[in-house]
Amino acid sequence: MHGPASPGWLLVALCAATGAYCLLRMRSSVEEQRRAAGGEALMGFGMAAMAVPSAVFTPPAWAWPAYAVVFGTAAVRALWAARASACHLHHLVGTAAMVYMAAAMAVSPAPAHVHEHEHGVAGVPLLTGVLLLYFAGYVLVSGVRLLPVAGAGTSAVPWSDRPEVVRACRLSMGIGMVAMLLAM
């Protein structure tokens, strides 16, 4: 991704930590929890790899189409799962956004401000704007859901299966997605 190196490394750390937590969630005794965690781990590590600042490491030309294929496959899987449960629609939007970003980087690996000066065109592409609105809304709603509820006690649920930690994990990936879309 384009942009300054310090925020890029923070985004890499956030996404990698989220991916690592999702790997731990894959040990859950709940089947659906394991499946969701696997897809979220892929998203977390994929986002971390894509967020490495371009000033530090420029991926080879084949990397962006490879990302698009990997996340396209994940999008098809999320689409298949969405027919059984609407909760998978968010995973579909997330994987489709990753395909979009990988395709955009494959076509135009130079920062947008360079093209702006060359062609005199400025602004955010429509799809980027729609995705930004979606993920910003998702982050706000997820943040509200994390607010403590009066009278809610702790339970004997393992920390890797606790719903508030899972929500925080998804919130951090939503924040990462907003940051990546802004950096495009």
C-alpha atoms as a PDB file:
ATOM      1  CA  MET A   1       0.000   0.000   0.000  1.00  0.00           C
ATOM      2  CA  HIS A   2       1.035   3.562  -0.561  1.00  0.00           C
ATOM      3  CA  GLY A   3       1.585   6.079   2.166  1.00  0.00           C
ATOM      4  CA  PRO A   4       4.013   6.794   4.995  1.00  0.00           C
ATOM      5  CA  ALA A   5       5.961   3.890   6.459  1.00  0.00           C
ATOM      6  CA  SER A   6       5.053   4.311  10.160  1.00  0.00           C
ATOM      7  CA  PRO A   7       1.261   3.992   9.747  1.00  0.00           C
ATOM      8  CA  GLY A   8       1.888   1.190   7.273  1.00  0.00           C
ATOM      9  CA  TRP A   9       3.859  -0.795   9.837  1.00  0.00           C
ATOM     10  CA  LEU A  10       1.183  -0.172  12.460  1.00  0.00           C
ATOM     11  CA  LEU A  11      -1.399  -1.532  10.038  1.00  0.00           C
ATOM     12  CA  VAL A  12       0.794  -4.572   9.350  1.00  0.00           C
ATOM     13  CA  ALA A  13       1.100  -5.214  13.103  1.00  0.00           C
ATOM     14  CA  LEU A  14      -2.646  -4.807  13.685  1.00  0.00           C
ATOM     15  CA  CYS A  15      -3.603  -7.136  10.838  1.00  0.00           C
ATOM     16  CA  ALA A  16      -0.958  -9.747  11.687  1.00  0.00           C
ATOM     17  CA  ALA A  17      -2.011  -9.784  15.358  1.00  0.00           C
ATOM     18  CA  THR A  18      -5.642 -10.155  14.301  1.00  0.00           C
ATOM     19  CA  GLY A  19      -4.720 -13.005  11.956  1.00  0.00           C
ATOM     20  CA  ALA A  20      -2.768 -14.718  14.748  1.00  0.00           C
ATOM     21  CA  TYR A  21      -5.718 -14.449  17.134  1.00  0.00           C
ATOM     22  CA  CYS A  22      -7.996 -15.899  14.456  1.00  0.00           C
ATOM     23  CA  LEU A  23      -5.619 -18.848  14.114  1.00  0.00           C
ATOM     24  CA  LEU A  24      -6.042 -19.458  17.842  1.00  0.00           C
ATOM     25  CA  ARG A  25      -9.821 -19.310  17.409  1.00  0.00           C
ATOM     26  CA  MET A  26      -9.561 -22.153  14.914  1.00  0.00           C
ATOM     27  CA  ARG A  27      -9.024 -24.476  17.906  1.00  0.00           C
ATOM     28  CA  SER A  28     -12.583 -23.795  19.095  1.00  0.00           C
ATOM     29  CA  SER A  29     -14.902 -26.696  19.771  1.00  0.00           C
ATOM     30  CA  VAL A  30     -17.654 -24.933  17.778  1.00  0.00           C
ATOM     31  CA  GLU A  31     -17.566 -25.873  14.066  1.00  0.00           C
ATOM     32  CA  GLU A  32     -18.962 -22.565  12.767  1.00  0.00           C
ATOM     33  CA  GLN A  33     -16.493 -20.651  14.943  1.00  0.00           C
ATOM     34  CA  ARG A  34     -13.584 -22.576  13.402  1.00  0.00           C
ATOM     35  CA  ARG A  35     -14.769 -21.934   9.841  1.00  0.00           C
ATOM     36  CA  ALA A  36     -15.248 -18.212  10.398  1.00  0.00           C
ATOM     37  CA  ALA A  37     -11.901 -17.971  12.179  1.00  0.00           C
ATOM     38  CA  GLY A  38     -10.083 -19.576   9.240  1.00  0.00           C
ATOM     39  CA  GLY A  39     -11.486 -17.065   6.777  1.00  0.00           C
ATOM     40  CA  GLU A  40     -10.743 -14.191   9.134  1.00  0.00           C
ATOM     41  CA  ALA A  41      -7.165 -15.423   9.643  1.00  0.00           C
ATOM     42  CA  LEU A  42      -6.705 -15.412   5.868  1.00  0.00           C
ATOM     43  CA  MET A  43      -8.062 -11.854   5.746  1.00  0.00           C
ATOM     44  CA  GLY A  44      -5.837 -10.688   8.612  1.00  0.00           C
ATOM     45  CA  PHE A  45      -2.623 -12.116   7.193  1.00  0.00           C
ATOM     46  CA  GLY A  46      -3.544 -11.050   3.649  1.00  0.00           C
ATOM     47  CA  MET A  47      -4.204  -7.518   4.808  1.00  0.00           C
ATOM     48  CA  ALA A  48      -0.889  -7.530   6.699  1.00  0.00           C
ATOM     49  CA  ALA A  49       0.978  -8.646   3.574  1.00  0.00           C
ATOM     50  CA  MET A  50      -0.734  -6.042   1.405  1.00  0.00           C
ATOM     51  CA  ALA A  51      -0.112  -3.264   3.945  1.00  0.00           C
ATOM     52  CA  VAL A  52       3.682  -3.547   3.979  1.00  0.00           C
ATOM     53  CA  PRO A  53       4.850  -0.061   2.954  1.00  0.00           C
ATOM     54  CA  SER A  54       5.909   0.069  -0.689  1.00  0.00           C
ATOM     55  CA  ALA A  55       8.978   2.115   0.266  1.00  0.00           C
ATOM     56  CA  VAL A  56      10.245  -0.918   2.195  1.00  0.00           C
ATOM     57  CA  PHE A  57       9.226  -3.765  -0.081  1.00  0.00           C
ATOM     58  CA  THR A  58       7.744  -3.707  -3.538  1.00  0.00           C
ATOM     59  CA  PRO A  59       6.108  -7.050  -4.311  1.00  0.00           C
ATOM     60  CA  PRO A  60       6.891  -8.694  -7.651  1.00  0.00           C
ATOM     61  CA  ALA A  61       4.439  -8.070 -10.477  1.00  0.00           C
ATOM     62  CA  TRP A  62       2.842 -11.513 -10.075  1.00  0.00           C
ATOM     63  CA  ALA A  63       1.961 -10.928  -6.386  1.00  0.00           C
ATOM     64  CA  TRP A  64      -1.077  -8.685  -6.975  1.00  0.00           C
ATOM     65  CA  PRO A  65      -2.807 -11.065  -9.403  1.00  0.00           C
ATOM     66  CA  ALA A  66      -2.008 -13.903  -6.974  1.00  0.00           C
ATOM     67  CA  TYR A  67      -3.683 -11.945  -4.154  1.00  0.00           C
ATOM     68  CA  ALA A  68      -6.679 -11.360  -6.411  1.00  0.00           C
ATOM     69  CA  VAL A  69      -6.968 -15.101  -7.138  1.00  0.00           C
ATOM     70  CA  VAL A  70      -6.624 -16.092  -3.456  1.00  0.00           C
ATOM     71  CA  PHE A  71      -9.222 -13.578  -2.305  1.00  0.00           C
ATOM     72  CA  GLY A  72     -11.436 -14.294  -5.299  1.00  0.00           C
ATOM     73  CA  THR A  73     -11.494 -17.924  -4.205  1.00  0.00           C
ATOM     74  CA  ALA A  74     -12.303 -16.820  -0.660  1.00  0.00           C
ATOM     75  CA  ALA A  75     -15.098 -14.604  -2.048  1.00  0.00           C
ATOM     76  CA  VAL A  76     -16.630 -17.569  -3.883  1.00  0.00           C
ATOM     77  CA  ARG A  77     -16.441 -19.585  -0.668  1.00  0.00           C
ATOM     78  CA  ALA A  78     -18.105 -16.730   1.272  1.00  0.00           C
ATOM     79  CA  LEU A  79     -20.795 -16.476  -1.405  1.00  0.00           C
ATOM     80  CA  TRP A  80     -21.445 -20.204  -1.079  1.00  0.00           C
ATOM     81  CA  ALA A  81     -21.654 -19.925   2.712  1.00  0.00           C
ATOM     82  CA  ALA A  82     -23.926 -16.846   2.478  1.00  0.00           C
ATOM     83  CA  ARG A  83     -26.703 -18.898   0.925  1.00  0.00           C
ATOM     84  CA  ALA A  84     -27.042 -20.736   4.258  1.00  0.00           C
ATOM     85  CA  SER A  85     -26.493 -17.771   6.589  1.00  0.00           C
ATOM     86  CA  ALA A  86     -26.629 -14.039   5.919  1.00  0.00           C
ATOM     87  CA  CYS A  87     -23.843 -13.419   8.450  1.00  0.00           C
ATOM     88  CA  HIS A  88     -21.372 -14.462   5.739  1.00  0.00           C
ATOM     89  CA  LEU A  89     -22.296 -11.472   3.575  1.00  0.00           C
ATOM     90  CA  HIS A  90     -19.800  -9.317   5.469  1.00  0.00           C
ATOM     91  CA  HIS A  91     -17.057 -11.836   4.653  1.00  0.00           C
ATOM     92  CA  LEU A  92     -18.143 -11.639   1.022  1.00  0.00           C
ATOM     93  CA  VAL A  93     -17.849  -7.845   1.016  1.00  0.00           C
ATOM     94  CA  GLY A  94     -14.458  -8.050   2.734  1.00  0.00           C
ATOM     95  CA  THR A  95     -13.001 -10.570   0.314  1.00  0.00           C
ATOM     96  CA  ALA A  96     -14.437  -8.671  -2.652  1.00  0.00           C
ATOM     97  CA  ALA A  97     -12.781  -5.497  -1.315  1.00  0.00           C
ATOM     98  CA  MET A  98      -9.467  -7.357  -1.115  1.00  0.00           C
ATOM     99  CA  VAL A  99      -9.873  -8.532  -4.716  1.00  0.00           C
ATOM    100  CA  TYR A 100     -10.645  -4.940  -5.740  1.00  0.00           C
ATOM    101  CA  MET A 101      -7.568  -3.565  -3.962  1.00  0.00           C
ATOM    102  CA  ALA A 102      -5.295  -6.275  -5.379  1.00  0.00           C
ATOM    103  CA  ALA A 103      -6.623  -5.654  -8.887  1.00  0.00           C
ATOM    104  CA  ALA A 104      -6.169  -1.900  -8.473  1.00  0.00           C
ATOM    105  CA  MET A 105      -2.575  -2.417  -7.329  1.00  0.00           C
ATOM    106  CA  ALA A 106      -1.901  -4.785 -10.227  1.00  0.00           C
ATOM    107  CA  VAL A 107      -3.133  -2.213 -12.734  1.00  0.00           C
ATOM    108  CA  SER A 108      -1.640   0.873 -11.118  1.00  0.00           C
ATOM    109  CA  PRO A 109       1.182   0.217  -8.658  1.00  0.00           C
ATOM    110  CA  ALA A 110       2.076   3.946  -8.517  1.00  0.00           C
ATOM    111  CA  PRO A 111       0.470   6.188  -5.874  1.00  0.00           C
ATOM    112  CA  ALA A 112      -2.742   7.944  -6.901  1.00  0.00           C
ATOM    113  CA  HIS A 113      -1.256  11.419  -6.458  1.00  0.00           C
ATOM    114  CA  VAL A 114       1.287  10.640  -9.200  1.00  0.00           C
ATOM    115  CA  HIS A 115      -1.508   9.893 -11.676  1.00  0.00           C
ATOM    116  CA  GLU A 116      -3.403  12.954 -10.494  1.00  0.00           C
ATOM    117  CA  HIS A 117      -0.576  15.219 -11.662  1.00  0.00           C
ATOM    118  CA  GLU A 118      -0.118  13.337 -14.909  1.00  0.00           C
ATOM    119  CA  HIS A 119      -3.760  13.308 -16.013  1.00  0.00           C
ATOM    120  CA  GLY A 120      -5.293  16.167 -14.015  1.00  0.00           C
ATOM    121  CA  VAL A 121      -7.910  13.843 -12.513  1.00  0.00           C
ATOM    122  CA  ALA A 122      -8.583  13.859  -8.773  1.00  0.00           C
ATOM    123  CA  GLY A 123     -11.071  12.192  -6.484  1.00  0.00           C
ATOM    124  CA  VAL A 124     -12.003   8.842  -5.066  1.00  0.00           C
ATOM    125  CA  PRO A 125     -13.299   6.168  -7.453  1.00  0.00           C
ATOM    126  CA  LEU A 126     -16.951   5.296  -6.843  1.00  0.00           C
ATOM    127  CA  LEU A 127     -16.321   1.699  -5.714  1.00  0.00           C
ATOM    128  CA  THR A 128     -13.626   2.837  -3.277  1.00  0.00           C
ATOM    129  CA  GLY A 129     -16.061   5.378  -1.840  1.00  0.00           C
ATOM    130  CA  VAL A 130     -18.823   2.806  -1.466  1.00  0.00           C
ATOM    131  CA  LEU A 131     -16.448   0.379   0.256  1.00  0.00           C
ATOM    132  CA  LEU A 132     -15.194   3.165   2.537  1.00  0.00           C
ATOM    133  CA  LEU A 133     -18.764   4.000   3.544  1.00  0.00           C
ATOM    134  CA  TYR A 134     -19.587   0.346   4.177  1.00  0.00           C
ATOM    135  CA  PHE A 135     -16.514  -0.338   6.313  1.00  0.00           C
ATOM    136  CA  ALA A 136     -16.769   2.977   8.188  1.00  0.00           C
ATOM    137  CA  GLY A 137     -20.369   2.087   9.055  1.00  0.00           C
ATOM    138  CA  TYR A 138     -19.304  -1.423  10.028  1.00  0.00           C
ATOM    139  CA  VAL A 139     -16.593  -0.025  12.320  1.00  0.00           C
ATOM    140  CA  LEU A 140     -19.041   2.346  14.010  1.00  0.00           C
ATOM    141  CA  VAL A 141     -21.675  -0.360  14.552  1.00  0.00           C
ATOM    142  CA  SER A 142     -19.053  -2.841  15.770  1.00  0.00           C
ATOM    143  CA  GLY A 143     -17.669  -0.258  18.181  1.00  0.00           C
ATOM    144  CA  VAL A 144     -21.114   0.348  19.661  1.00  0.00           C
ATOM    145  CA  ARG A 145     -21.612  -3.406  20.091  1.00  0.00           C
ATOM    146  CA  LEU A 146     -18.451  -3.538  22.201  1.00  0.00           C
ATOM    147  CA  LEU A 147     -19.833  -1.122  24.797  1.00  0.00           C
ATOM    148  CA  PRO A 148     -20.344  -2.931  28.082  1.00  0.00           C
ATOM    149  CA  VAL A 149     -23.865  -3.983  28.997  1.00  0.00           C
ATOM    150  CA  ALA A 150     -24.996  -3.282  32.565  1.00  0.00           C
ATOM    151  CA  GLY A 151     -25.232  -6.446  34.616  1.00  0.00           C
ATOM    152  CA  ALA A 152     -23.225  -8.578  32.193  1.00  0.00           C
ATOM    153  CA  GLY A 153     -20.851 -10.826  34.096  1.00  0.00           C
ATOM    154  CA  THR A 154     -17.908 -12.859  32.975  1.00  0.00           C
ATOM    155  CA  SER A 155     -18.554 -16.428  32.043  1.00  0.00           C
ATOM    156  CA  ALA A 156     -16.487 -19.579  31.932  1.00  0.00           C
ATOM    157  CA  VAL A 157     -16.124 -19.343  28.141  1.00  0.00           C
ATOM    158  CA  PRO A 158     -12.489 -19.680  26.984  1.00  0.00           C
ATOM    159  CA  TRP A 159     -10.974 -16.333  25.970  1.00  0.00           C
ATOM    160  CA  SER A 160     -10.593 -17.496  22.376  1.00  0.00           C
ATOM    161  CA  ASP A 161     -14.375 -18.065  22.137  1.00  0.00           C
ATOM    162  CA  ARG A 162     -15.511 -14.949  23.988  1.00  0.00           C
ATOM    163  CA  PRO A 163     -17.900 -12.978  21.764  1.00  0.00           C
ATOM    164  CA  GLU A 164     -16.525  -9.576  22.781  1.00  0.00           C
ATOM    165  CA  VAL A 165     -12.994 -10.572  21.782  1.00  0.00           C
ATOM    166  CA  VAL A 166     -14.259 -11.927  18.466  1.00  0.00           C
ATOM    167  CA  ARG A 167     -16.104  -8.611  17.885  1.00  0.00           C
ATOM    168  CA  ALA A 168     -12.947  -6.669  18.759  1.00  0.00           C
ATOM    169  CA  CYS A 169     -11.026  -8.812  16.266  1.00  0.00           C
ATOM    170  CA  ARG A 170     -13.538  -8.045  13.535  1.00  0.00           C
ATOM    171  CA  LEU A 171     -13.553  -4.371  14.500  1.00  0.00           C
ATOM    172  CA  SER A 172      -9.774  -4.182  14.116  1.00  0.00           C
ATOM    173  CA  MET A 173      -9.978  -5.767  10.662  1.00  0.00           C
ATOM    174  CA  GLY A 174     -12.671  -3.246   9.711  1.00  0.00           C
ATOM    175  CA  ILE A 175     -10.424  -0.406  10.857  1.00  0.00           C
ATOM    176  CA  GLY A 176      -7.580  -1.921   8.860  1.00  0.00           C
ATOM    177  CA  MET A 177      -9.782  -2.125   5.778  1.00  0.00           C
ATOM    178  CA  VAL A 178     -10.724   1.560   6.102  1.00  0.00           C
ATOM    179  CA  ALA A 179      -7.044   2.473   6.416  1.00  0.00           C
ATOM    180  CA  MET A 180      -6.105   0.375   3.379  1.00  0.00           C
ATOM    181  CA  LEU A 181      -8.871   1.867   1.257  1.00  0.00           C
ATOM    182  CA  LEU A 182      -7.789   5.374   2.264  1.00  0.00           C
ATOM    183  CA  ALA A 183      -4.187   4.552   1.312  1.00  0.00           C
ATOM    184  CA  MET A 184      -5.134   3.424  -2.204  1.00  0.00           C
END
